PDB file of N, CA and C in Angstrom:
ATOM      1  N   MET A   1     126.301-150.746 -14.801  1.00  0.00           N
ATOM      2  CA  MET A   1     126.659-152.026 -15.380  1.00  0.00           C
ATOM      3  C   MET A   1     126.710-153.070 -14.273  1.00  0.00           C
ATOM      4  N   THR A   2     126.163-154.210 -14.568  1.00  0.00           N
ATOM      5  CA  THR A   2     126.138-155.283 -13.583  1.00  0.00           C
ATOM      6  C   THR A   2     127.318-156.220 -13.798  1.00  0.00           C
ATOM      7  N   LEU A   3     127.534-157.081 -12.841  1.00  0.00           N
ATOM      8  CA  LEU A   3     128.587-158.086 -12.961  1.00  0.00           C
ATOM      9  C   LEU A   3     128.328-158.980 -14.165  1.00  0.00           C
ATOM     10  N   GLU A   4     127.046-159.275 -14.424  1.00  0.00           N
ATOM     11  CA  GLU A   4     126.670-160.098 -15.574  1.00  0.00           C
ATOM     12  C   GLU A   4     127.120-159.433 -16.875  1.00  0.00           C
ATOM     13  N   ASP A   5     126.909-158.119 -17.001  1.00  0.00           N
ATOM     14  CA  ASP A   5     127.331-157.394 -18.207  1.00  0.00           C
ATOM     15  C   ASP A   5     128.852-157.397 -18.353  1.00  0.00           C
ATOM     16  N   ALA A   6     129.562-157.318 -17.250  1.00  0.00           N
ATOM     17  CA  ALA A   6     131.013-157.207 -17.278  1.00  0.00           C
ATOM     18  C   ALA A   6     131.677-158.425 -17.917  1.00  0.00           C
ATOM     19  N   LYS A   7     131.055-159.590 -17.853  1.00  0.00           N
ATOM     20  CA  LYS A   7     131.689-160.773 -18.432  1.00  0.00           C
ATOM     21  C   LYS A   7     131.699-160.725 -19.956  1.00  0.00           C
ATOM     22  N   TYR A   8     130.923-159.813 -20.537  1.00  0.00           N
ATOM     23  CA  TYR A   8     130.890-159.663 -21.987  1.00  0.00           C
ATOM     24  C   TYR A   8     131.757-158.504 -22.481  1.00  0.00           C
ATOM     25  N   ASP A   9     132.384-157.789 -21.560  1.00  0.00           N
ATOM     26  CA  ASP A   9     133.174-156.601 -21.917  1.00  0.00           C
ATOM     27  C   ASP A   9     134.253-156.888 -22.956  1.00  0.00           C
ATOM     28  N   ASP A  10     134.989-157.974 -22.799  1.00  0.00           N
ATOM     29  CA  ASP A  10     136.066-158.294 -23.743  1.00  0.00           C
ATOM     30  C   ASP A  10     135.532-158.540 -25.137  1.00  0.00           C
ATOM     31  N   ALA A  11     134.424-159.275 -25.232  1.00  0.00           N
ATOM     32  CA  ALA A  11     133.832-159.563 -26.540  1.00  0.00           C
ATOM     33  C   ALA A  11     133.317-158.282 -27.184  1.00  0.00           C
ATOM     34  N   VAL A  12     132.633-157.449 -26.415  1.00  0.00           N
ATOM     35  CA  VAL A  12     132.113-156.187 -26.942  1.00  0.00           C
ATOM     36  C   VAL A  12     133.260-155.285 -27.375  1.00  0.00           C
ATOM     37  N   ALA A  13     134.297-155.184 -26.558  1.00  0.00           N
ATOM     38  CA  ALA A  13     135.449-154.343 -26.891  1.00  0.00           C
ATOM     39  C   ALA A  13     136.137-154.830 -28.159  1.00  0.00           C
ATOM     40  N   GLU A  14     136.237-156.137 -28.328  1.00  0.00           N
ATOM     41  CA  GLU A  14     136.862-156.686 -29.532  1.00  0.00           C
ATOM     42  C   GLU A  14     136.063-156.315 -30.779  1.00  0.00           C
ATOM     43  N   LEU A  15     134.739-156.416 -30.704  1.00  0.00           N
ATOM     44  CA  LEU A  15     133.897-156.035 -31.841  1.00  0.00           C
ATOM     45  C   LEU A  15     134.017-154.543 -32.148  1.00  0.00           C
ATOM     46  N   GLU A  16     134.070-153.731 -31.109  1.00  0.00           N
ATOM     47  CA  GLU A  16     134.213-152.285 -31.309  1.00  0.00           C
ATOM     48  C   GLU A  16     135.562-151.941 -31.934  1.00  0.00           C
ATOM     49  N   ARG A  17     136.616-152.665 -31.563  1.00  0.00           N
ATOM     50  CA  ARG A  17     137.934-152.447 -32.184  1.00  0.00           C
ATOM     51  C   ARG A  17     137.893-152.759 -33.680  1.00  0.00           C
ATOM     52  N   GLN A  18     136.984-153.626 -34.077  1.00  0.00           N
ATOM     53  CA  GLN A  18     136.829-153.977 -35.490  1.00  0.00           C
ATOM     54  C   GLN A  18     135.967-152.960 -36.233  1.00  0.00           C
ATOM     55  N   GLY A  19     135.522-151.923 -35.532  1.00  0.00           N
ATOM     56  CA  GLY A  19     134.725-150.874 -36.158  1.00  0.00           C
ATOM     57  C   GLY A  19     133.235-151.120 -36.138  1.00  0.00           C
ATOM     58  N   LEU A  20     132.801-152.141 -35.404  1.00  0.00           N
ATOM     59  CA  LEU A  20     131.373-152.447 -35.323  1.00  0.00           C
ATOM     60  C   LEU A  20     130.740-151.665 -34.175  1.00  0.00           C
ATOM     61  N   THR A  21     129.454-151.415 -34.287  1.00  0.00           N
ATOM     62  CA  THR A  21     128.706-150.775 -33.213  1.00  0.00           C
ATOM     63  C   THR A  21     127.963-151.856 -32.448  1.00  0.00           C
ATOM     64  N   VAL A  22     128.128-151.860 -31.133  1.00  0.00           N
ATOM     65  CA  VAL A  22     127.506-152.882 -30.290  1.00  0.00           C
ATOM     66  C   VAL A  22     126.714-152.179 -29.199  1.00  0.00           C
ATOM     67  N   ARG A  23     125.451-152.549 -29.082  1.00  0.00           N
ATOM     68  CA  ARG A  23     124.594-151.981 -28.055  1.00  0.00           C
ATOM     69  C   ARG A  23     123.822-153.107 -27.367  1.00  0.00           C
ATOM     70  N   LEU A  24     123.562-152.900 -26.083  1.00  0.00           N
ATOM     71  CA  LEU A  24     122.731-153.853 -25.361  1.00  0.00           C
ATOM     72  C   LEU A  24     121.317-153.756 -25.922  1.00  0.00           C
ATOM     73  N   HIS A  25     120.802-154.838 -26.429  1.00  0.00           N
ATOM     74  CA  HIS A  25     119.483-154.873 -27.058  1.00  0.00           C
ATOM     75  C   HIS A  25     118.405-155.142 -26.015  1.00  0.00           C
ATOM     76  N   SER A  26     118.634-156.130 -25.165  1.00  0.00           N
ATOM     77  CA  SER A  26     117.672-156.471 -24.115  1.00  0.00           C
ATOM     78  C   SER A  26     118.412-157.044 -22.911  1.00  0.00           C
ATOM     79  N   ARG A  27     118.336-156.328 -21.811  1.00  0.00           N
ATOM     80  CA  ARG A  27     118.971-156.819 -20.581  1.00  0.00           C
ATOM     81  C   ARG A  27     118.265-158.087 -20.097  1.00  0.00           C
ATOM     82  N   GLU A  28     116.938-158.130 -20.231  1.00  0.00           N
ATOM     83  CA  GLU A  28     116.175-159.282 -19.757  1.00  0.00           C
ATOM     84  C   GLU A  28     116.531-160.556 -20.530  1.00  0.00           C
ATOM     85  N   ASN A  29     116.749-160.415 -21.830  1.00  0.00           N
ATOM     86  CA  ASN A  29     117.071-161.577 -22.668  1.00  0.00           C
ATOM     87  C   ASN A  29     118.564-161.732 -22.929  1.00  0.00           C
ATOM     88  N   ASN A  30     119.370-160.825 -22.360  1.00  0.00           N
ATOM     89  CA  ASN A  30     120.820-160.853 -22.538  1.00  0.00           C
ATOM     90  C   ASN A  30     121.189-160.892 -24.023  1.00  0.00           C
ATOM     91  N   THR A  31     120.629-159.961 -24.787  1.00  0.00           N
ATOM     92  CA  THR A  31     120.926-159.905 -26.214  1.00  0.00           C
ATOM     93  C   THR A  31     121.591-158.584 -26.566  1.00  0.00           C
ATOM     94  N   TRP A  32     122.446-158.650 -27.575  1.00  0.00           N
ATOM     95  CA  TRP A  32     123.226-157.501 -28.038  1.00  0.00           C
ATOM     96  C   TRP A  32     122.926-157.271 -29.508  1.00  0.00           C
ATOM     97  N   HIS A  33     122.851-156.008 -29.902  1.00  0.00           N
ATOM     98  CA  HIS A  33     122.637-155.641 -31.302  1.00  0.00           C
ATOM     99  C   HIS A  33     123.985-155.207 -31.868  1.00  0.00           C
ATOM    100  N   ILE A  34     124.394-155.835 -32.961  1.00  0.00           N
ATOM    101  CA  ILE A  34     125.686-155.556 -33.597  1.00  0.00           C
ATOM    102  C   ILE A  34     125.421-155.083 -35.015  1.00  0.00           C
ATOM    103  N   THR A  35     126.038-153.976 -35.404  1.00  0.00           N
ATOM    104  CA  THR A  35     125.866-153.464 -36.753  1.00  0.00           C
ATOM    105  C   THR A  35     127.209-153.054 -37.339  1.00  0.00           C
ATOM    106  N   ASP A  36     127.303-153.194 -38.662  1.00  0.00           N
ATOM    107  CA  ASP A  36     128.522-152.765 -39.350  1.00  0.00           C
ATOM    108  C   ASP A  36     128.253-151.484 -40.131  1.00  0.00           C
ATOM    109  N   HIS A  37     127.361-150.655 -39.610  1.00  0.00           N
ATOM    110  CA  HIS A  37     127.088-149.304 -40.101  1.00  0.00           C
ATOM    111  C   HIS A  37     126.311-149.253 -41.401  1.00  0.00           C
ATOM    112  N   GLY A  38     125.701-150.350 -41.821  1.00  0.00           N
ATOM    113  CA  GLY A  38     124.810-150.309 -42.971  1.00  0.00           C
ATOM    114  C   GLY A  38     123.488-149.669 -42.558  1.00  0.00           C
ATOM    115  N   LEU A  39     122.761-149.159 -43.514  1.00  0.00           N
ATOM    116  CA  LEU A  39     121.519-148.465 -43.190  1.00  0.00           C
ATOM    117  C   LEU A  39     120.517-149.351 -42.459  1.00  0.00           C
ATOM    118  N   TYR A  40     120.267-150.533 -42.966  1.00  0.00           N
ATOM    119  CA  TYR A  40     119.275-151.397 -42.345  1.00  0.00           C
ATOM    120  C   TYR A  40     119.880-152.727 -41.932  1.00  0.00           C
ATOM    121  N   SER A  41     121.140-152.719 -41.638  1.00  0.00           N
ATOM    122  CA  SER A  41     121.788-153.967 -41.256  1.00  0.00           C
ATOM    123  C   SER A  41     121.886-154.053 -39.742  1.00  0.00           C
ATOM    124  N   GLY A  42     122.067-155.220 -39.282  1.00  0.00           N
ATOM    125  CA  GLY A  42     122.263-155.430 -37.865  1.00  0.00           C
ATOM    126  C   GLY A  42     121.901-156.849 -37.506  1.00  0.00           C
ATOM    127  N   TYR A  43     122.513-157.319 -36.468  1.00  0.00           N
ATOM    128  CA  TYR A  43     122.303-158.682 -36.012  1.00  0.00           C
ATOM    129  C   TYR A  43     122.133-158.652 -34.507  1.00  0.00           C
ATOM    130  N   VAL A  44     121.314-159.547 -34.006  1.00  0.00           N
ATOM    131  CA  VAL A  44     121.116-159.686 -32.571  1.00  0.00           C
ATOM    132  C   VAL A  44     121.710-161.018 -32.152  1.00  0.00           C
ATOM    133  N   ALA A  45     122.539-160.974 -31.131  1.00  0.00           N
ATOM    134  CA  ALA A  45     123.158-162.196 -30.604  1.00  0.00           C
ATOM    135  C   ALA A  45     123.078-162.168 -29.084  1.00  0.00           C
ATOM    136  N   THR A  46     122.989-163.328 -28.500  1.00  0.00           N
ATOM    137  CA  THR A  46     123.008-163.399 -27.040  1.00  0.00           C
ATOM    138  C   THR A  46     124.445-163.221 -26.555  1.00  0.00           C
ATOM    139  N   GLY A  47     124.560-162.877 -25.299  1.00  0.00           N
ATOM    140  CA  GLY A  47     125.882-162.762 -24.708  1.00  0.00           C
ATOM    141  C   GLY A  47     126.643-164.070 -24.769  1.00  0.00           C
ATOM    142  N   ASP A  48     125.942-165.175 -24.554  1.00  0.00           N
ATOM    143  CA  ASP A  48     126.593-166.488 -24.613  1.00  0.00           C
ATOM    144  C   ASP A  48     127.070-166.803 -26.027  1.00  0.00           C
ATOM    145  N   GLU A  49     126.309-166.381 -27.038  1.00  0.00           N
ATOM    146  CA  GLU A  49     126.748-166.580 -28.423  1.00  0.00           C
ATOM    147  C   GLU A  49     128.021-165.770 -28.698  1.00  0.00           C
ATOM    148  N   LEU A  50     128.076-164.548 -28.189  1.00  0.00           N
ATOM    149  CA  LEU A  50     129.294-163.745 -28.370  1.00  0.00           C
ATOM    150  C   LEU A  50     130.496-164.419 -27.725  1.00  0.00           C
ATOM    151  N   LEU A  51     130.299-164.952 -26.525  1.00  0.00           N
ATOM    152  CA  LEU A  51     131.403-165.639 -25.844  1.00  0.00           C
ATOM    153  C   LEU A  51     131.836-166.887 -26.608  1.00  0.00           C
ATOM    154  N   GLU A  52     130.878-167.624 -27.171  1.00  0.00           N
ATOM    155  CA  GLU A  52     131.214-168.818 -27.945  1.00  0.00           C
ATOM    156  C   GLU A  52     131.970-168.430 -29.215  1.00  0.00           C
ATOM    157  N   LEU A  53     131.541-167.370 -29.886  1.00  0.00           N
ATOM    158  CA  LEU A  53     132.254-166.914 -31.080  1.00  0.00           C
ATOM    159  C   LEU A  53     133.670-166.476 -30.723  1.00  0.00           C
ATOM    160  N   LYS A  54     133.834-165.810 -29.589  1.00  0.00           N
ATOM    161  CA  LYS A  54     135.169-165.391 -29.152  1.00  0.00           C
ATOM    162  C   LYS A  54     136.040-166.618 -28.855  1.00  0.00           C
ATOM    163  N   ARG A  55     135.454-167.610 -28.183  1.00  0.00           N
ATOM    164  CA  ARG A  55     136.201-168.811 -27.822  1.00  0.00           C
ATOM    165  C   ARG A  55     136.699-169.545 -29.068  1.00  0.00           C
ATOM    166  N   THR A  56     135.905-169.514 -30.138  1.00  0.00           N
ATOM    167  CA  THR A  56     136.269-170.238 -31.360  1.00  0.00           C
ATOM    168  C   THR A  56     136.953-169.335 -32.397  1.00  0.00           C
ATOM    169  N   ASN A  57     137.385-168.155 -31.967  1.00  0.00           N
ATOM    170  CA  ASN A  57     138.081-167.198 -32.847  1.00  0.00           C
ATOM    171  C   ASN A  57     137.255-166.797 -34.068  1.00  0.00           C
ATOM    172  N   ASN A  58     135.941-166.695 -33.888  1.00  0.00           N
ATOM    173  CA  ASN A  58     135.049-166.263 -34.965  1.00  0.00           C
ATOM    174  C   ASN A  58     134.295-164.996 -34.594  1.00  0.00           C
ATOM    175  N   LEU A  59     134.824-164.222 -33.653  1.00  0.00           N
ATOM    176  CA  LEU A  59     134.130-163.026 -33.192  1.00  0.00           C
ATOM    177  C   LEU A  59     134.411-161.882 -34.154  1.00  0.00           C
ATOM    178  N   ASN A  60     133.635-161.841 -35.225  1.00  0.00           N
ATOM    179  CA  ASN A  60     133.704-160.782 -36.229  1.00  0.00           C
ATOM    180  C   ASN A  60     132.363-160.759 -36.946  1.00  0.00           C
ATOM    181  N   ILE A  61     132.170-159.812 -37.855  1.00  0.00           N
ATOM    182  CA  ILE A  61     130.868-159.687 -38.506  1.00  0.00           C
ATOM    183  C   ILE A  61     130.518-160.934 -39.301  1.00  0.00           C
ATOM    184  N   PHE A  62     131.509-161.592 -39.881  1.00  0.00           N
ATOM    185  CA  PHE A  62     131.235-162.806 -40.657  1.00  0.00           C
ATOM    186  C   PHE A  62     130.792-163.951 -39.753  1.00  0.00           C
ATOM    187  N   GLY A  63     131.420-164.090 -38.595  1.00  0.00           N
ATOM    188  CA  GLY A  63     131.018-165.117 -37.635  1.00  0.00           C
ATOM    189  C   GLY A  63     129.615-164.860 -37.107  1.00  0.00           C
ATOM    190  N   ILE A  64     129.280-163.594 -36.871  1.00  0.00           N
ATOM    191  CA  ILE A  64     127.953-163.233 -36.378  1.00  0.00           C
ATOM    192  C   ILE A  64     126.903-163.501 -37.447  1.00  0.00           C
ATOM    193  N   LYS A  65     127.205-163.139 -38.690  1.00  0.00           N
ATOM    194  CA  LYS A  65     126.265-163.412 -39.789  1.00  0.00           C
ATOM    195  C   LYS A  65     126.037-164.910 -39.934  1.00  0.00           C
ATOM    196  N   SER A  66     127.096-165.679 -39.841  1.00  0.00           N
ATOM    197  CA  SER A  66     126.993-167.131 -39.968  1.00  0.00           C
ATOM    198  C   SER A  66     126.146-167.703 -38.830  1.00  0.00           C
ATOM    199  N   TRP A  67     126.393-167.237 -37.613  1.00  0.00           N
ATOM    200  CA  TRP A  67     125.641-167.706 -36.452  1.00  0.00           C
ATOM    201  C   TRP A  67     124.161-167.375 -36.632  1.00  0.00           C
ATOM    202  N   ASP A  68     123.884-166.151 -37.108  1.00  0.00           N
ATOM    203  CA  ASP A  68     122.513-165.701 -37.306  1.00  0.00           C
ATOM    204  C   ASP A  68     121.796-166.564 -38.337  1.00  0.00           C
ATOM    205  N   SER A  69     122.488-166.929 -39.412  1.00  0.00           N
ATOM    206  CA  SER A  69     121.842-167.722 -40.460  1.00  0.00           C
ATOM    207  C   SER A  69     121.557-169.145 -39.984  1.00  0.00           C
ATOM    208  N   ARG A  70     122.338-169.654 -39.048  1.00  0.00           N
ATOM    209  CA  ARG A  70     122.075-170.995 -38.512  1.00  0.00           C
ATOM    210  C   ARG A  70     120.834-171.030 -37.637  1.00  0.00           C
ATOM    211  N   ARG A  71     120.495-169.891 -37.044  1.00  0.00           N
ATOM    212  CA  ARG A  71     119.330-169.812 -36.161  1.00  0.00           C
ATOM    213  C   ARG A  71     118.016-169.805 -36.917  1.00  0.00           C
ATOM    214  N   GLN A  72     118.027-169.401 -38.149  1.00  0.00           N
ATOM    215  CA  GLN A  72     116.769-169.220 -38.895  1.00  0.00           C
ATOM    216  C   GLN A  72     116.265-170.487 -39.502  1.00  0.00           C
TER     217      GLN A  72
END
């Protein structure tokens, strides 16, 4: 794990405490894959997006879904 990854540890740990699965999707693009255990569900968010959601108290599956829908 790099120092860059470590700054996202709190956000990742918070999502995992909520029962979500979080995996590093792309180190090069700093993206994370978050799933709530559905068969074909999952969302990709950047590390900076996770930090912004945490800062605004929206770091949960609903905040991630909302963020994802704004990107499309």
